[in-house]
Amino acid sequence: MRCESCGWWFASNDTWDSSCGSLPNSAIRILTATGAALRTFSSGPDEQQLAALESEIEAHLLGRGSSTAWAALEDVTKGVFREFGYDARVTARSKDGGIDVIVDHNDHGDVYAQVKHTKNKVGVRVLRELIGTMAINGATNSLLVTSSHFTRGVTKEQALAAQRGFVVELVDGGRLLASLNLAYRRSPPTIAEVMAVAKPTVELIRGEVDI
């Protein structure tokens, strides 16, 4: 069972084993169940917007395509953080100092996310600009998100920055698509999908019953 409005779901597994009964017409019945709710829940972007964004990311991973859905990508990035339980906000566009999303993290304070929606590989210059913004504002953790790929030198620069206390997580187009698929679905999950992830663990009934 699942609620499409609040994100609450419940899954159960009811098994009957007649080979274990003490009498010919009896069986052992075991009913297990589990349930949960998303920490936050939103309907997310509409289907047309999400499809357009996914199509552009897939094209960018191949080094081609347009970048018309850049504003949607910023909003969706914020939404992904919120689906995982963090407070996040999109900054005022064109007045953000290069920062597109700010995440309120319990341990790290403000975590900056810079989002690059482009078919071109993101290079060292962009990473250095992000680190400069972090240093000016006293931030120590950030994410650099792109719908394409990073150049080879970015990971080396990332390691050097970490040695100086600036932690930057890199999210390329492949990881971005995976995050979107996890946080936003075109349709509710099937019972089989729920059961594959959340195994019922609470035993509600165990006993011998007549059949």
Protein backbone atom coordinates (compact mmCIF):
# COMPACT_ATOMS: atom_id res chain seq x y z
CA MET A 1 0.00 0.00 0.00
CA ARG A 2 1.19 3.51 -0.65
CA CYS A 3 -0.06 7.09 -0.42
CA GLU A 4 0.74 9.24 -3.45
CA SER A 5 0.07 12.43 -1.49
CA CYS A 6 2.40 12.17 1.51
CA GLY A 7 4.94 9.52 0.56
CA TRP A 8 3.84 7.02 3.24
CA TRP A 9 4.02 3.33 2.28
CA PHE A 10 3.44 -0.08 3.83
CA ALA A 11 4.54 -3.50 2.59
CA SER A 12 3.71 -6.94 3.97
CA ASN A 13 4.59 -10.54 3.20
CA ASP A 14 2.10 -13.32 4.11
CA THR A 15 3.39 -16.91 3.83
CA TRP A 16 1.64 -20.23 4.50
CA ASP A 17 3.62 -23.46 4.82
CA SER A 18 1.48 -26.62 4.96
CA SER A 19 4.54 -28.88 5.17
CA CYS A 20 5.21 -27.69 8.72
CA GLY A 21 1.74 -28.19 10.18
CA SER A 22 1.26 -30.76 12.94
CA LEU A 23 -2.07 -31.88 11.41
CA PRO A 24 -2.98 -32.74 7.78
CA ASN A 25 -5.26 -29.72 7.42
CA SER A 26 -3.07 -27.16 9.15
CA ALA A 27 -0.23 -24.84 8.15
CA ILE A 28 2.22 -22.40 9.69
CA ARG A 29 1.30 -18.84 8.82
CA ILE A 30 3.95 -16.07 9.09
CA LEU A 31 2.97 -12.44 8.41
CA THR A 32 5.78 -9.87 8.32
CA ALA A 33 5.53 -6.20 7.46
CA THR A 34 7.40 -2.90 7.32
CA GLY A 35 6.55 0.70 6.54
CA ALA A 36 8.04 4.16 6.32
CA ALA A 37 7.53 7.69 5.04
CA LEU A 38 9.77 10.04 3.10
CA ARG A 39 11.31 12.71 5.33
CA THR A 40 9.96 15.23 2.84
CA PHE A 41 7.63 14.79 -0.07
CA SER A 42 6.82 16.87 -3.12
CA SER A 43 5.35 16.11 -6.48
CA GLY A 44 8.49 17.54 -8.12
CA PRO A 45 8.66 18.99 -11.62
CA ASP A 46 5.91 18.18 -14.05
CA GLU A 47 6.41 15.28 -16.43
CA GLN A 48 7.12 17.46 -19.47
CA GLN A 49 9.73 19.53 -17.62
CA LEU A 50 11.45 16.48 -16.21
CA ALA A 51 11.50 14.68 -19.57
CA ALA A 52 13.03 17.74 -21.26
CA LEU A 53 15.69 18.02 -18.58
CA GLU A 54 16.61 14.34 -18.72
CA SER A 55 16.82 14.53 -22.51
CA GLU A 56 19.23 17.48 -22.35
CA ILE A 57 21.43 15.78 -19.75
CA GLU A 58 21.62 12.63 -21.86
CA ALA A 59 22.63 14.72 -24.87
CA HIS A 60 25.22 16.67 -22.85
CA LEU A 61 26.85 13.42 -21.78
CA LEU A 62 27.46 12.83 -25.50
CA GLY A 63 28.79 16.36 -25.98
CA ARG A 64 25.85 17.75 -27.87
CA GLY A 65 22.41 19.30 -27.44
CA SER A 66 20.94 22.56 -26.16
CA SER A 67 20.83 24.00 -22.63
CA THR A 68 17.38 25.54 -22.40
CA ALA A 69 16.42 23.84 -19.13
CA TRP A 70 19.11 25.45 -16.94
CA ALA A 71 16.60 27.06 -14.55
CA ALA A 72 14.76 23.76 -14.16
CA LEU A 73 18.03 22.02 -13.33
CA GLU A 74 18.70 24.46 -10.46
CA ASP A 75 15.19 23.90 -9.09
CA VAL A 76 15.45 20.12 -9.45
CA THR A 77 18.87 20.09 -7.75
CA LYS A 78 17.31 21.92 -4.81
CA GLY A 79 14.45 19.41 -4.85
CA VAL A 80 16.81 16.43 -4.72
CA PHE A 81 18.41 17.79 -1.54
CA ARG A 82 14.99 18.35 0.00
CA GLU A 83 13.87 14.82 -0.84
CA PHE A 84 16.87 13.58 1.15
CA GLY A 85 15.82 15.65 4.15
CA TYR A 86 17.91 18.81 3.82
CA ASP A 87 16.73 22.42 3.76
CA ALA A 88 17.81 23.93 0.45
CA ARG A 89 17.11 27.11 -1.44
CA VAL A 90 17.86 28.48 -4.90
CA THR A 91 19.77 31.76 -4.80
CA ALA A 92 18.67 34.89 -6.62
CA ARG A 93 19.60 34.17 -10.21
CA SER A 94 22.41 36.29 -11.72
CA LYS A 95 23.22 37.62 -8.21
CA ASP A 96 24.57 34.49 -6.61
CA GLY A 97 28.33 34.90 -6.86
CA GLY A 98 28.41 31.66 -8.85
CA ILE A 99 26.37 29.71 -6.27
CA ASP A 100 23.04 28.32 -7.45
CA VAL A 101 21.77 26.34 -4.45
CA ILE A 102 22.57 26.65 -0.75
CA VAL A 103 21.98 23.62 1.48
CA ASP A 104 21.57 23.98 5.25
CA HIS A 105 23.59 21.07 6.67
CA ASN A 106 23.54 20.16 10.36
CA ASP A 107 27.27 19.38 10.52
CA HIS A 108 28.79 21.62 7.83
CA GLY A 109 26.60 24.72 7.95
CA ASP A 110 25.95 26.26 4.53
CA VAL A 111 26.95 23.88 1.74
CA TYR A 112 27.19 25.56 -1.66
CA ALA A 113 26.12 23.89 -4.89
CA GLN A 114 27.12 25.29 -8.25
CA VAL A 115 25.20 23.88 -11.21
CA LYS A 116 26.54 23.92 -14.76
CA HIS A 117 24.02 22.91 -17.41
CA THR A 118 26.23 22.62 -20.45
CA LYS A 119 27.36 20.16 -23.10
CA ASN A 120 30.97 21.31 -22.59
CA LYS A 121 33.22 19.68 -20.03
CA VAL A 122 33.63 21.67 -16.82
CA GLY A 123 37.25 22.55 -16.15
CA VAL A 124 39.61 23.68 -13.41
CA ARG A 125 38.72 27.37 -13.74
CA VAL A 126 35.14 26.77 -12.61
CA LEU A 127 36.32 24.71 -9.64
CA ARG A 128 38.80 27.40 -8.59
CA GLU A 129 36.10 30.07 -8.77
CA LEU A 130 33.88 27.95 -6.53
CA ILE A 131 36.69 27.46 -4.01
CA GLY A 132 37.30 31.22 -4.03
CA THR A 133 33.64 31.86 -3.21
CA MET A 134 33.85 29.31 -0.41
CA ALA A 135 36.92 31.00 1.06
CA ILE A 136 35.33 34.46 0.96
CA ASN A 137 32.18 33.24 2.70
CA GLY A 138 33.81 30.89 5.19
CA ALA A 139 32.31 27.72 3.70
CA THR A 140 34.21 24.43 3.80
CA ASN A 141 31.94 22.07 1.83
CA SER A 142 30.34 22.36 -1.59
CA LEU A 143 29.15 20.48 -4.64
CA LEU A 144 29.99 21.14 -8.26
CA VAL A 145 27.23 19.72 -10.44
CA THR A 146 27.30 19.43 -14.22
CA SER A 147 25.05 17.85 -16.81
CA SER A 148 28.14 16.79 -18.79
CA HIS A 149 31.62 15.72 -17.65
CA PHE A 150 34.67 17.15 -15.88
CA THR A 151 38.06 17.63 -17.46
CA ARG A 152 40.92 15.44 -16.29
CA GLY A 153 42.55 18.16 -14.18
CA VAL A 154 39.48 18.78 -12.02
CA THR A 155 39.94 15.71 -9.82
CA LYS A 156 43.58 16.65 -9.17
CA GLU A 157 42.56 20.19 -8.21
CA GLN A 158 39.79 18.73 -6.03
CA ALA A 159 42.35 16.70 -4.08
CA LEU A 160 44.60 19.75 -3.59
CA ALA A 161 41.63 21.78 -2.33
CA ALA A 162 40.73 19.06 0.17
CA GLN A 163 44.25 19.23 1.60
CA ARG A 164 43.59 22.92 2.30
CA GLY A 165 40.26 22.26 4.00
CA PHE A 166 37.91 22.87 1.06
CA VAL A 167 35.84 19.77 0.30
CA VAL A 168 34.16 19.80 -3.10
CA GLU A 169 32.05 16.86 -4.23
CA LEU A 170 31.89 16.41 -7.99
CA VAL A 171 28.58 15.34 -9.55
CA ASP A 172 28.74 14.64 -13.28
CA GLY A 173 25.85 14.05 -15.65
CA GLY A 174 25.69 10.33 -14.95
CA ARG A 175 25.39 10.81 -11.18
CA LEU A 176 22.93 13.63 -11.75
CA LEU A 177 20.63 11.42 -13.82
CA ALA A 178 20.79 8.70 -11.17
CA SER A 179 19.83 11.23 -8.48
CA LEU A 180 16.86 12.44 -10.54
CA ASN A 181 15.66 8.88 -11.08
CA LEU A 182 15.88 8.23 -7.35
CA ALA A 183 14.17 11.42 -6.18
CA TYR A 184 11.56 11.85 -8.90
CA ARG A 185 9.52 9.13 -10.54
CA ARG A 186 7.09 9.43 -13.42
CA SER A 187 4.80 6.94 -11.64
CA PRO A 188 4.52 5.48 -8.11
CA PRO A 189 6.75 2.45 -7.43
CA THR A 190 5.22 -0.96 -7.86
CA ILE A 191 4.83 -3.32 -4.91
CA ALA A 192 7.59 -5.49 -6.41
CA GLU A 193 9.97 -2.51 -6.46
CA VAL A 194 9.13 -1.62 -2.88
CA MET A 195 9.60 -5.22 -1.73
CA ALA A 196 12.96 -5.44 -3.50
CA VAL A 197 14.29 -2.53 -1.44
CA ALA A 198 12.38 -2.76 1.85
CA LYS A 199 12.23 -6.34 3.10
CA PRO A 200 9.40 -6.80 5.66
CA THR A 201 11.16 -7.24 9.01
CA VAL A 202 8.48 -6.94 11.71
CA GLU A 203 6.77 -10.26 12.47
CA LEU A 204 3.09 -9.69 13.15
CA ILE A 205 1.76 -13.26 13.09
CA ARG A 206 3.41 -16.67 13.52
CA GLY A 207 1.28 -19.66 14.33
CA GLU A 208 -0.48 -22.79 13.21
CA VAL A 209 -3.83 -22.28 11.48
CA ASP A 210 -6.44 -24.50 9.86
CA ILE A 211 -6.61 -24.55 6.06
